Amino acid sequence: MSKEDLARAVKTSSLFSRSGLNDVHFRFAENKPIALSSANSQTGEHAVEIDGDVSGKDNAVTVNFKYFLDGVGNIESEQVLMQLNDGLSACILRPVTEDGRSDYLYIVMPIRQ
């Protein structure tokens, strides 16, 4: 997915995250856009979709947007690869490079609800 689109969507969703928890929900489904959402009883709720290539089974994960944006902000490529097994396992963020190699790896632990 595009680094710029991802960062913009997470920042927008973060405005509606719960204070102290800073939660943003991701949903992944093959052949569908990536869905981001957040909800707060005081400020309302927000949902947005971004384009990205999804492979594997349908999945969802909730992360702390502050930690997530720290990782995305340090990626130097224009595309970001996000890998996860399930909603309870760590997410891995990597830059997408032409040669497929990169020394950068960022791990984000999910928020368990």
PDB file of N, CA and C in Angstrom:
ATOM      1  N   MET A   1       0.835  -1.175   0.000  1.00  0.00           N
ATOM      2  CA  MET A   1       0.000   0.000   0.000  1.00  0.00           C
ATOM      3  C   MET A   1       0.877   1.234   0.000  1.00  0.00           C
ATOM      4  N   SER A   2       0.309   2.311  -0.393  1.00  0.00           N
ATOM      5  CA  SER A   2       1.037   3.568  -0.445  1.00  0.00           C
ATOM      6  C   SER A   2       1.316   4.082   0.970  1.00  0.00           C
ATOM      7  N   LYS A   3       2.556   4.448   1.228  1.00  0.00           N
ATOM      8  CA  LYS A   3       2.939   4.975   2.537  1.00  0.00           C
ATOM      9  C   LYS A   3       2.173   6.249   2.851  1.00  0.00           C
ATOM     10  N   GLU A   4       2.062   7.124   1.867  1.00  0.00           N
ATOM     11  CA  GLU A   4       1.372   8.404   2.062  1.00  0.00           C
ATOM     12  C   GLU A   4      -0.111   8.201   2.375  1.00  0.00           C
ATOM     13  N   ASP A   5      -0.772   7.333   1.598  1.00  0.00           N
ATOM     14  CA  ASP A   5      -2.194   7.055   1.830  1.00  0.00           C
ATOM     15  C   ASP A   5      -2.417   6.406   3.193  1.00  0.00           C
ATOM     16  N   LEU A   6      -1.538   5.471   3.551  1.00  0.00           N
ATOM     17  CA  LEU A   6      -1.649   4.782   4.833  1.00  0.00           C
ATOM     18  C   LEU A   6      -1.490   5.759   5.990  1.00  0.00           C
ATOM     19  N   ALA A   7      -0.466   6.582   5.955  1.00  0.00           N
ATOM     20  CA  ALA A   7      -0.229   7.543   7.036  1.00  0.00           C
ATOM     21  C   ALA A   7      -1.390   8.524   7.160  1.00  0.00           C
ATOM     22  N   ARG A   8      -1.895   9.002   6.035  1.00  0.00           N
ATOM     23  CA  ARG A   8      -3.016   9.950   6.053  1.00  0.00           C
ATOM     24  C   ARG A   8      -4.266   9.302   6.661  1.00  0.00           C
ATOM     25  N   ALA A   9      -4.560   8.067   6.261  1.00  0.00           N
ATOM     26  CA  ALA A   9      -5.745   7.367   6.765  1.00  0.00           C
ATOM     27  C   ALA A   9      -5.630   7.089   8.265  1.00  0.00           C
ATOM     28  N   VAL A  10      -4.452   6.695   8.723  1.00  0.00           N
ATOM     29  CA  VAL A  10      -4.261   6.417  10.152  1.00  0.00           C
ATOM     30  C   VAL A  10      -4.375   7.709  10.955  1.00  0.00           C
ATOM     31  N   LYS A  11      -3.784   8.791  10.471  1.00  0.00           N
ATOM     32  CA  LYS A  11      -3.862  10.075  11.182  1.00  0.00           C
ATOM     33  C   LYS A  11      -5.307  10.555  11.292  1.00  0.00           C
ATOM     34  N   THR A  12      -6.073  10.410  10.219  1.00  0.00           N
ATOM     35  CA  THR A  12      -7.475  10.822  10.242  1.00  0.00           C
ATOM     36  C   THR A  12      -8.281   9.954  11.204  1.00  0.00           C
ATOM     37  N   SER A  13      -8.071   8.649  11.135  1.00  0.00           N
ATOM     38  CA  SER A  13      -8.783   7.743  12.042  1.00  0.00           C
ATOM     39  C   SER A  13      -8.399   7.990  13.494  1.00  0.00           C
ATOM     40  N   SER A  14      -7.159   8.388  13.716  1.00  0.00           N
ATOM     41  CA  SER A  14      -6.690   8.596  15.086  1.00  0.00           C
ATOM     42  C   SER A  14      -7.468   9.694  15.809  1.00  0.00           C
ATOM     43  N   LEU A  15      -8.037  10.626  15.061  1.00  0.00           N
ATOM     44  CA  LEU A  15      -8.816  11.703  15.674  1.00  0.00           C
ATOM     45  C   LEU A  15     -10.054  11.169  16.383  1.00  0.00           C
ATOM     46  N   PHE A  16     -10.491   9.966  16.012  1.00  0.00           N
ATOM     47  CA  PHE A  16     -11.695   9.372  16.580  1.00  0.00           C
ATOM     48  C   PHE A  16     -11.373   8.186  17.485  1.00  0.00           C
ATOM     49  N   SER A  17     -10.100   7.975  17.788  1.00  0.00           N
ATOM     50  CA  SER A  17      -9.724   6.844  18.642  1.00  0.00           C
ATOM     51  C   SER A  17      -9.999   7.175  20.105  1.00  0.00           C
ATOM     52  N   ARG A  18     -10.079   6.144  20.904  1.00  0.00           N
ATOM     53  CA  ARG A  18     -10.340   6.340  22.330  1.00  0.00           C
ATOM     54  C   ARG A  18      -9.103   6.895  23.020  1.00  0.00           C
ATOM     55  N   SER A  19      -9.307   7.907  23.820  1.00  0.00           N
ATOM     56  CA  SER A  19      -8.221   8.557  24.534  1.00  0.00           C
ATOM     57  C   SER A  19      -7.537   7.562  25.469  1.00  0.00           C
ATOM     58  N   GLY A  20      -6.215   7.564  25.449  1.00  0.00           N
ATOM     59  CA  GLY A  20      -5.449   6.649  26.289  1.00  0.00           C
ATOM     60  C   GLY A  20      -5.180   5.314  25.619  1.00  0.00           C
ATOM     61  N   LEU A  21      -6.123   4.837  24.816  1.00  0.00           N
ATOM     62  CA  LEU A  21      -5.952   3.562  24.113  1.00  0.00           C
ATOM     63  C   LEU A  21      -5.358   3.781  22.728  1.00  0.00           C
ATOM     64  N   ASN A  22      -5.734   4.887  22.083  1.00  0.00           N
ATOM     65  CA  ASN A  22      -5.203   5.266  20.769  1.00  0.00           C
ATOM     66  C   ASN A  22      -5.376   4.153  19.733  1.00  0.00           C
ATOM     67  N   ASP A  23      -6.536   3.534  19.718  1.00  0.00           N
ATOM     68  CA  ASP A  23      -6.775   2.363  18.868  1.00  0.00           C
ATOM     69  C   ASP A  23      -7.290   2.706  17.480  1.00  0.00           C
ATOM     70  N   VAL A  24      -6.731   2.019  16.495  1.00  0.00           N
ATOM     71  CA  VAL A  24      -7.189   2.079  15.109  1.00  0.00           C
ATOM     72  C   VAL A  24      -7.322   0.640  14.639  1.00  0.00           C
ATOM     73  N   HIS A  25      -8.461   0.325  14.017  1.00  0.00           N
ATOM     74  CA  HIS A  25      -8.766  -1.037  13.584  1.00  0.00           C
ATOM     75  C   HIS A  25      -8.497  -1.178  12.079  1.00  0.00           C
ATOM     76  N   PHE A  26      -7.806  -2.239  11.709  1.00  0.00           N
ATOM     77  CA  PHE A  26      -7.554  -2.575  10.306  1.00  0.00           C
ATOM     78  C   PHE A  26      -8.340  -3.830   9.958  1.00  0.00           C
ATOM     79  N   ARG A  27      -8.935  -3.867   8.754  1.00  0.00           N
ATOM     80  CA  ARG A  27      -9.582  -5.079   8.228  1.00  0.00           C
ATOM     81  C   ARG A  27      -9.022  -5.348   6.847  1.00  0.00           C
ATOM     82  N   PHE A  28      -8.632  -6.604   6.634  1.00  0.00           N
ATOM     83  CA  PHE A  28      -8.058  -7.027   5.363  1.00  0.00           C
ATOM     84  C   PHE A  28      -8.911  -8.137   4.768  1.00  0.00           C
ATOM     85  N   ALA A  29      -9.245  -8.022   3.491  1.00  0.00           N
ATOM     86  CA  ALA A  29      -9.970  -9.057   2.764  1.00  0.00           C
ATOM     87  C   ALA A  29      -9.446  -9.068   1.337  1.00  0.00           C
ATOM     88  N   GLU A  30      -9.244 -10.260   0.812  1.00  0.00           N
ATOM     89  CA  GLU A  30      -8.714 -10.373  -0.547  1.00  0.00           C
ATOM     90  C   GLU A  30      -9.652  -9.719  -1.551  1.00  0.00           C
ATOM     91  N   ASN A  31      -9.069  -9.041  -2.532  1.00  0.00           N
ATOM     92  CA  ASN A  31      -9.789  -8.358  -3.605  1.00  0.00           C
ATOM     93  C   ASN A  31     -10.685  -7.227  -3.110  1.00  0.00           C
ATOM     94  N   LYS A  32     -10.383  -6.678  -1.938  1.00  0.00           N
ATOM     95  CA  LYS A  32     -11.127  -5.542  -1.404  1.00  0.00           C
ATOM     96  C   LYS A  32     -10.129  -4.522  -0.873  1.00  0.00           C
ATOM     97  N   PRO A  33     -10.541  -3.256  -0.787  1.00  0.00           N
ATOM     98  CA  PRO A  33      -9.649  -2.248  -0.204  1.00  0.00           C
ATOM     99  C   PRO A  33      -9.392  -2.540   1.281  1.00  0.00           C
ATOM    100  N   ILE A  34      -8.324  -2.004   1.810  1.00  0.00           N
ATOM    101  CA  ILE A  34      -8.007  -2.145   3.228  1.00  0.00           C
ATOM    102  C   ILE A  34      -8.867  -1.142   3.994  1.00  0.00           C
ATOM    103  N   ALA A  35      -9.568  -1.613   5.013  1.00  0.00           N
ATOM    104  CA  ALA A  35     -10.481  -0.768   5.777  1.00  0.00           C
ATOM    105  C   ALA A  35      -9.855  -0.372   7.109  1.00  0.00           C
ATOM    106  N   LEU A  36      -9.909   0.907   7.433  1.00  0.00           N
ATOM    107  CA  LEU A  36      -9.451   1.424   8.722  1.00  0.00           C
ATOM    108  C   LEU A  36     -10.635   2.081   9.402  1.00  0.00           C
ATOM    109  N   SER A  37     -10.724   1.916  10.713  1.00  0.00           N
ATOM    110  CA  SER A  37     -11.823   2.544  11.442  1.00  0.00           C
ATOM    111  C   SER A  37     -11.423   2.803  12.888  1.00  0.00           C
ATOM    112  N   SER A  38     -12.156   3.700  13.511  1.00  0.00           N
ATOM    113  CA  SER A  38     -11.998   3.972  14.934  1.00  0.00           C
ATOM    114  C   SER A  38     -13.307   4.585  15.421  1.00  0.00           C
ATOM    115  N   ALA A  39     -13.536   4.444  16.720  1.00  0.00           N
ATOM    116  CA  ALA A  39     -14.774   4.971  17.295  1.00  0.00           C
ATOM    117  C   ALA A  39     -14.525   5.425  18.721  1.00  0.00           C
ATOM    118  N   ASN A  40     -15.188   6.514  19.085  1.00  0.00           N
ATOM    119  CA  ASN A  40     -15.086   7.072  20.420  1.00  0.00           C
ATOM    120  C   ASN A  40     -16.466   7.582  20.779  1.00  0.00           C
ATOM    121  N   SER A  41     -16.955   7.263  21.969  1.00  0.00           N
ATOM    122  CA  SER A  41     -18.303   7.674  22.357  1.00  0.00           C
ATOM    123  C   SER A  41     -18.449   9.194  22.447  1.00  0.00           C
ATOM    124  N   GLN A  42     -17.342   9.907  22.618  1.00  0.00           N
ATOM    125  CA  GLN A  42     -17.408  11.362  22.746  1.00  0.00           C
ATOM    126  C   GLN A  42     -17.246  12.099  21.424  1.00  0.00           C
ATOM    127  N   THR A  43     -16.419  11.566  20.520  1.00  0.00           N
ATOM    128  CA  THR A  43     -16.142  12.282  19.275  1.00  0.00           C
ATOM    129  C   THR A  43     -16.816  11.668  18.059  1.00  0.00           C
ATOM    130  N   GLY A  44     -17.301  10.447  18.164  1.00  0.00           N
ATOM    131  CA  GLY A  44     -17.957   9.796  17.037  1.00  0.00           C
ATOM    132  C   GLY A  44     -17.123   8.667  16.476  1.00  0.00           C
ATOM    133  N   GLU A  45     -17.386   8.337  15.231  1.00  0.00           N
ATOM    134  CA  GLU A  45     -16.653   7.244  14.598  1.00  0.00           C
ATOM    135  C   GLU A  45     -16.223   7.632  13.196  1.00  0.00           C
ATOM    136  N   HIS A  46     -15.231   6.907  12.695  1.00  0.00           N
ATOM    137  CA  HIS A  46     -14.669   7.202  11.385  1.00  0.00           C
ATOM    138  C   HIS A  46     -14.278   5.901  10.706  1.00  0.00           C
ATOM    139  N   ALA A  47     -14.512   5.827   9.418  1.00  0.00           N
ATOM    140  CA  ALA A  47     -14.099   4.663   8.630  1.00  0.00           C
ATOM    141  C   ALA A  47     -13.599   5.156   7.278  1.00  0.00           C
ATOM    142  N   VAL A  48     -12.523   4.528   6.794  1.00  0.00           N
ATOM    143  CA  VAL A  48     -11.940   4.901   5.509  1.00  0.00           C
ATOM    144  C   VAL A  48     -11.353   3.642   4.880  1.00  0.00           C
ATOM    145  N   GLU A  49     -11.279   3.641   3.560  1.00  0.00           N
ATOM    146  CA  GLU A  49     -10.666   2.528   2.833  1.00  0.00           C
ATOM    147  C   GLU A  49      -9.503   3.070   2.015  1.00  0.00           C
ATOM    148  N   ILE A  50      -8.428   2.265   1.944  1.00  0.00           N
ATOM    149  CA  ILE A  50      -7.287   2.624   1.108  1.00  0.00           C
ATOM    150  C   ILE A  50      -6.971   1.453   0.191  1.00  0.00           C
ATOM    151  N   ASP A  51      -6.422   1.773  -0.962  1.00  0.00           N
ATOM    152  CA  ASP A  51      -6.049   0.733  -1.917  1.00  0.00           C
ATOM    153  C   ASP A  51      -4.789   0.022  -1.451  1.00  0.00           C
ATOM    154  N   GLY A  52      -4.762  -1.270  -1.696  1.00  0.00           N
ATOM    155  CA  GLY A  52      -3.596  -2.072  -1.362  1.00  0.00           C
ATOM    156  C   GLY A  52      -3.825  -3.498  -1.832  1.00  0.00           C
ATOM    157  N   ASP A  53      -2.759  -4.220  -2.076  1.00  0.00           N
ATOM    158  CA  ASP A  53      -2.851  -5.617  -2.487  1.00  0.00           C
ATOM    159  C   ASP A  53      -2.883  -6.485  -1.236  1.00  0.00           C
ATOM    160  N   VAL A  54      -3.951  -7.261  -1.093  1.00  0.00           N
ATOM    161  CA  VAL A  54      -4.105  -8.140   0.060  1.00  0.00           C
ATOM    162  C   VAL A  54      -4.050  -9.574  -0.419  1.00  0.00           C
ATOM    163  N   SER A  55      -3.242 -10.382   0.239  1.00  0.00           N
ATOM    164  CA  SER A  55      -3.205 -11.802  -0.078  1.00  0.00           C
ATOM    165  C   SER A  55      -3.348 -12.585   1.224  1.00  0.00           C
ATOM    166  N   GLY A  56      -3.908 -13.772   1.137  1.00  0.00           N
ATOM    167  CA  GLY A  56      -4.123 -14.597   2.324  1.00  0.00           C
ATOM    168  C   GLY A  56      -5.555 -14.516   2.795  1.00  0.00           C
ATOM    169  N   LYS A  57      -5.792 -15.073   3.958  1.00  0.00           N
ATOM    170  CA  LYS A  57      -7.147 -15.116   4.505  1.00  0.00           C
ATOM    171  C   LYS A  57      -7.575 -13.745   5.042  1.00  0.00           C
ATOM    172  N   ASP A  58      -8.886 -13.570   5.196  1.00  0.00           N
ATOM    173  CA  ASP A  58      -9.403 -12.332   5.774  1.00  0.00           C
ATOM    174  C   ASP A  58      -8.852 -12.185   7.186  1.00  0.00           C
ATOM    175  N   ASN A  59      -8.569 -10.947   7.564  1.00  0.00           N
ATOM    176  CA  ASN A  59      -7.900 -10.712   8.826  1.00  0.00           C
ATOM    177  C   ASN A  59      -8.281  -9.350   9.376  1.00  0.00           C
ATOM    178  N   ALA A  60      -8.071  -9.150  10.656  1.00  0.00           N
ATOM    179  CA  ALA A  60      -8.304  -7.857  11.293  1.00  0.00           C
ATOM    180  C   ALA A  60      -7.335  -7.716  12.456  1.00  0.00           C
ATOM    181  N   VAL A  61      -6.938  -6.479  12.718  1.00  0.00           N
ATOM    182  CA  VAL A  61      -6.032  -6.203  13.827  1.00  0.00           C
ATOM    183  C   VAL A  61      -6.288  -4.784  14.323  1.00  0.00           C
ATOM    184  N   THR A  62      -6.086  -4.581  15.617  1.00  0.00           N
ATOM    185  CA  THR A  62      -6.206  -3.265  16.233  1.00  0.00           C
ATOM    186  C   THR A  62      -4.839  -2.878  16.789  1.00  0.00           C
ATOM    187  N   VAL A  63      -4.374  -1.689  16.423  1.00  0.00           N
ATOM    188  CA  VAL A  63      -3.052  -1.227  16.873  1.00  0.00           C
ATOM    189  C   VAL A  63      -3.149   0.162  17.484  1.00  0.00           C
ATOM    190  N   ASN A  64      -2.142   0.510  18.253  1.00  0.00           N
ATOM    191  CA  ASN A  64      -1.996   1.854  18.784  1.00  0.00           C
ATOM    192  C   ASN A  64      -1.448   2.721  17.652  1.00  0.00           C
ATOM    193  N   PHE A  65      -2.188   3.742  17.257  1.00  0.00           N
ATOM    194  CA  PHE A  65      -1.799   4.523  16.084  1.00  0.00           C
ATOM    195  C   PHE A  65      -0.464   5.246  16.275  1.00  0.00           C
ATOM    196  N   LYS A  66      -0.116   5.625  17.492  1.00  0.00           N
ATOM    197  CA  LYS A  66       1.141   6.336  17.724  1.00  0.00           C
ATOM    198  C   LYS A  66       2.340   5.449  17.398  1.00  0.00           C
ATOM    199  N   TYR A  67       2.314   4.219  17.891  1.00  0.00           N
ATOM    200  CA  TYR A  67       3.405   3.285  17.606  1.00  0.00           C
ATOM    201  C   TYR A  67       3.436   2.928  16.123  1.00  0.00           C
ATOM    202  N   PHE A  68       2.256   2.747  15.542  1.00  0.00           N
ATOM    203  CA  PHE A  68       2.173   2.386  14.128  1.00  0.00           C
ATOM    204  C   PHE A  68       2.760   3.481  13.251  1.00  0.00           C
ATOM    205  N   LEU A  69       2.404   4.737  13.523  1.00  0.00           N
ATOM    206  CA  LEU A  69       2.913   5.854  12.720  1.00  0.00           C
ATOM    207  C   LEU A  69       4.414   6.062  12.905  1.00  0.00           C
ATOM    208  N   ASP A  70       4.948   5.709  14.075  1.00  0.00           N
ATOM    209  CA  ASP A  70       6.402   5.779  14.268  1.00  0.00           C
ATOM    210  C   ASP A  70       7.104   4.880  13.257  1.00  0.00           C
ATOM    211  N   GLY A  71       6.582   3.680  13.076  1.00  0.00           N
ATOM    212  CA  GLY A  71       7.184   2.741  12.131  1.00  0.00           C
ATOM    213  C   GLY A  71       7.018   3.182  10.696  1.00  0.00           C
ATOM    214  N   VAL A  72       5.827   3.618  10.336  1.00  0.00           N
ATOM    215  CA  VAL A  72       5.563   4.063   8.965  1.00  0.00           C
ATOM    216  C   VAL A  72       6.409   5.286   8.630  1.00  0.00           C
ATOM    217  N   GLY A  73       6.576   6.179   9.578  1.00  0.00           N
ATOM    218  CA  GLY A  73       7.344   7.395   9.350  1.00  0.00           C
ATOM    219  C   GLY A  73       8.819   7.150   9.068  1.00  0.00           C
ATOM    220  N   ASN A  74       9.327   6.019   9.515  1.00  0.00           N
ATOM    221  CA  ASN A  74      10.744   5.712   9.302  1.00  0.00           C
ATOM    222  C   ASN A  74      10.996   4.891   8.050  1.00  0.00           C
ATOM    223  N   ILE A  75       9.951   4.528   7.346  1.00  0.00           N
ATOM    224  CA  ILE A  75      10.108   3.797   6.095  1.00  0.00           C
ATOM    225  C   ILE A  75      10.408   4.797   4.987  1.00  0.00           C
ATOM    226  N   GLU A  76      11.468   4.541   4.229  1.00  0.00           N
ATOM    227  CA  GLU A  76      11.911   5.495   3.215  1.00  0.00           C
ATOM    228  C   GLU A  76      11.309   5.248   1.838  1.00  0.00           C
ATOM    229  N   SER A  77      10.728   4.074   1.600  1.00  0.00           N
ATOM    230  CA  SER A  77      10.147   3.795   0.286  1.00  0.00           C
ATOM    231  C   SER A  77       8.740   4.379   0.194  1.00  0.00           C
ATOM    232  N   GLU A  78       8.209   4.447  -1.023  1.00  0.00           N
ATOM    233  CA  GLU A  78       6.866   4.982  -1.229  1.00  0.00           C
ATOM    234  C   GLU A  78       5.777   3.956  -0.930  1.00  0.00           C
ATOM    235  N   GLN A  79       6.145   2.677  -0.905  1.00  0.00           N
ATOM    236  CA  GLN A  79       5.192   1.599  -0.631  1.00  0.00           C
ATOM    237  C   GLN A  79       5.564   0.895   0.676  1.00  0.00           C
ATOM    238  N   VAL A  80       4.538   0.441   1.407  1.00  0.00           N
ATOM    239  CA  VAL A  80       4.726  -0.242   2.679  1.00  0.00           C
ATOM    240  C   VAL A  80       4.140  -1.647   2.583  1.00  0.00           C
ATOM    241  N   LEU A  81       4.870  -2.615   3.118  1.00  0.00           N
ATOM    242  CA  LEU A  81       4.389  -3.985   3.220  1.00  0.00           C
ATOM    243  C   LEU A  81       4.031  -4.232   4.675  1.00  0.00           C
ATOM    244  N   MET A  82       2.787  -4.639   4.929  1.00  0.00           N
ATOM    245  CA  MET A  82       2.336  -4.950   6.282  1.00  0.00           C
ATOM    246  C   MET A  82       2.006  -6.431   6.313  1.00  0.00           C
ATOM    247  N   GLN A  83       2.637  -7.161   7.228  1.00  0.00           N
ATOM    248  CA  GLN A  83       2.433  -8.597   7.323  1.00  0.00           C
ATOM    249  C   GLN A  83       1.883  -8.941   8.704  1.00  0.00           C
ATOM    250  N   LEU A  84       0.901  -9.860   8.734  1.00  0.00           N
ATOM    251  CA  LEU A  84       0.390 -10.337  10.009  1.00  0.00           C
ATOM    252  C   LEU A  84      -0.223 -11.717   9.835  1.00  0.00           C
ATOM    253  N   ASN A  85      -0.213 -12.484  10.924  1.00  0.00           N
ATOM    254  CA  ASN A  85      -0.816 -13.815  10.920  1.00  0.00           C
ATOM    255  C   ASN A  85      -2.265 -13.755  11.372  1.00  0.00           C
ATOM    256  N   ASP A  86      -2.518 -13.052  12.466  1.00  0.00           N
ATOM    257  CA  ASP A  86      -3.878 -12.899  12.985  1.00  0.00           C
ATOM    258  C   ASP A  86      -3.927 -11.653  13.853  1.00  0.00           C
ATOM    259  N   GLY A  87      -5.088 -11.362  14.415  1.00  0.00           N
ATOM    260  CA  GLY A  87      -5.275 -10.152  15.198  1.00  0.00           C
ATOM    261  C   GLY A  87      -4.593 -10.156  16.553  1.00  0.00           C
ATOM    262  N   LEU A  88      -4.018 -11.295  16.951  1.00  0.00           N
ATOM    263  CA  LEU A  88      -3.363 -11.391  18.253  1.00  0.00           C
ATOM    264  C   LEU A  88      -1.848 -11.454  18.152  1.00  0.00           C
ATOM    265  N   SER A  89      -1.337 -11.531  16.939  1.00  0.00           N
ATOM    266  CA  SER A  89       0.105 -11.624  16.711  1.00  0.00           C
ATOM    267  C   SER A  89       0.655 -10.281  16.249  1.00  0.00           C
ATOM    268  N   ALA A  90       1.956 -10.137  16.384  1.00  0.00           N
ATOM    269  CA  ALA A  90       2.624  -8.895  15.991  1.00  0.00           C
ATOM    270  C   ALA A  90       2.476  -8.621  14.494  1.00  0.00           C
ATOM    271  N   CYS A  91       2.399  -7.348  14.143  1.00  0.00           N
ATOM    272  CA  CYS A  91       2.380  -6.906  12.747  1.00  0.00           C
ATOM    273  C   CYS A  91       3.796  -6.494  12.374  1.00  0.00           C
ATOM    274  N   ILE A  92       4.176  -6.770  11.158  1.00  0.00           N
ATOM    275  CA  ILE A  92       5.494  -6.395  10.673  1.00  0.00           C
ATOM    276  C   ILE A  92       5.322  -5.379   9.552  1.00  0.00           C
ATOM    277  N   LEU A  93       6.039  -4.281   9.650  1.00  0.00           N
ATOM    278  CA  LEU A  93       6.050  -3.255   8.605  1.00  0.00           C
ATOM    279  C   LEU A  93       7.421  -3.258   7.952  1.00  0.00           C
ATOM    280  N   ARG A  94       7.443  -3.258   6.623  1.00  0.00           N
ATOM    281  CA  ARG A  94       8.687  -3.236   5.855  1.00  0.00           C
ATOM    282  C   ARG A  94       8.521  -2.311   4.654  1.00  0.00           C
ATOM    283  N   PRO A  95       9.611  -1.735   4.193  1.00  0.00           N
ATOM    284  CA  PRO A  95       9.546  -0.972   2.941  1.00  0.00           C
ATOM    285  C   PRO A  95       9.483  -1.938   1.753  1.00  0.00           C
ATOM    286  N   VAL A  96       8.828  -1.512   0.695  1.00  0.00           N
ATOM    287  CA  VAL A  96       8.802  -2.290  -0.545  1.00  0.00           C
ATOM    288  C   VAL A  96       9.900  -1.726  -1.436  1.00  0.00           C
ATOM    289  N   THR A  97      10.880  -2.558  -1.752  1.00  0.00           N
ATOM    290  CA  THR A  97      12.007  -2.123  -2.576  1.00  0.00           C
ATOM    291  C   THR A  97      12.015  -2.905  -3.880  1.00  0.00           C
ATOM    292  N   GLU A  98      12.697  -2.364  -4.874  1.00  0.00           N
ATOM    293  CA  GLU A  98      12.758  -3.018  -6.185  1.00  0.00           C
ATOM    294  C   GLU A  98      13.437  -4.373  -6.130  1.00  0.00           C
ATOM    295  N   ASP A  99      14.496  -4.478  -5.348  1.00  0.00           N
ATOM    296  CA  ASP A  99      15.212  -5.749  -5.277  1.00  0.00           C
ATOM    297  C   ASP A  99      14.647  -6.692  -4.214  1.00  0.00           C
ATOM    298  N   GLY A 100      13.643  -6.240  -3.460  1.00  0.00           N
ATOM    299  CA  GLY A 100      13.021  -7.081  -2.448  1.00  0.00           C
ATOM    300  C   GLY A 100      13.820  -7.202  -1.160  1.00  0.00           C
ATOM    301  N   ARG A 101      14.885  -6.439  -1.043  1.00  0.00           N
ATOM    302  CA  ARG A 101      15.720  -6.492   0.150  1.00  0.00           C
ATOM    303  C   ARG A 101      15.591  -5.205   0.942  1.00  0.00           C
ATOM    304  N   SER A 102      15.668  -5.355   2.245  1.00  0.00           N
ATOM    305  CA  SER A 102      15.636  -4.186   3.103  1.00  0.00           C
ATOM    306  C   SER A 102      16.185  -4.556   4.470  1.00  0.00           C
ATOM    307  N   ASP A 103      16.895  -3.642   5.072  1.00  0.00           N
ATOM    308  CA  ASP A 103      17.403  -3.856   6.417  1.00  0.00           C
ATOM    309  C   ASP A 103      16.406  -3.379   7.464  1.00  0.00           C
ATOM    310  N   TYR A 104      15.361  -2.687   7.053  1.00  0.00           N
ATOM    311  CA  TYR A 104      14.422  -2.108   8.004  1.00  0.00           C
ATOM    312  C   TYR A 104      13.264  -3.061   8.266  1.00  0.00           C
ATOM    313  N   LEU A 105      12.975  -3.260   9.534  1.00  0.00           N
ATOM    314  CA  LEU A 105      11.864  -4.099   9.975  1.00  0.00           C
ATOM    315  C   LEU A 105      11.296  -3.449  11.227  1.00  0.00           C
ATOM    316  N   TYR A 106       9.986  -3.227  11.244  1.00  0.00           N
ATOM    317  CA  TYR A 106       9.354  -2.592  12.405  1.00  0.00           C
ATOM    318  C   TYR A 106       8.226  -3.501  12.873  1.00  0.00           C
ATOM    319  N   ILE A 107       8.204  -3.777  14.154  1.00  0.00           N
ATOM    320  CA  ILE A 107       7.192  -4.685  14.721  1.00  0.00           C
ATOM    321  C   ILE A 107       6.246  -3.872  15.595  1.00  0.00           C
ATOM    322  N   VAL A 108       4.949  -4.076  15.387  1.00  0.00           N
ATOM    323  CA  VAL A 108       3.917  -3.425  16.179  1.00  0.00           C
ATOM    324  C   VAL A 108       3.068  -4.508  16.828  1.00  0.00           C
ATOM    325  N   MET A 109       2.930  -4.429  18.127  1.00  0.00           N
ATOM    326  CA  MET A 109       2.086  -5.397  18.833  1.00  0.00           C
ATOM    327  C   MET A 109       0.635  -4.912  18.786  1.00  0.00           C
ATOM    328  N   PRO A 110      -0.308  -5.835  18.615  1.00  0.00           N
ATOM    329  CA  PRO A 110      -1.714  -5.431  18.563  1.00  0.00           C
ATOM    330  C   PRO A 110      -2.271  -5.119  19.959  1.00  0.00           C
ATOM    331  N   ILE A 111      -3.365  -4.404  19.963  1.00  0.00           N
ATOM    332  CA  ILE A 111      -4.106  -4.156  21.193  1.00  0.00           C
ATOM    333  C   ILE A 111      -5.135  -5.278  21.309  1.00  0.00           C
ATOM    334  N   ARG A 112      -5.125  -5.957  22.415  1.00  0.00           N
ATOM    335  CA  ARG A 112      -6.098  -7.049  22.621  1.00  0.00           C
ATOM    336  C   ARG A 112      -7.337  -6.461  23.268  1.00  0.00           C
ATOM    337  N   GLN A 113      -8.481  -6.810  22.696  1.00  0.00           N
ATOM    338  CA  GLN A 113      -9.726  -6.256  23.228  1.00  0.00           C
ATOM    339  C   GLN A 113     -10.620  -7.325  23.783  1.00  0.00           C
TER     340      GLN A 113
END
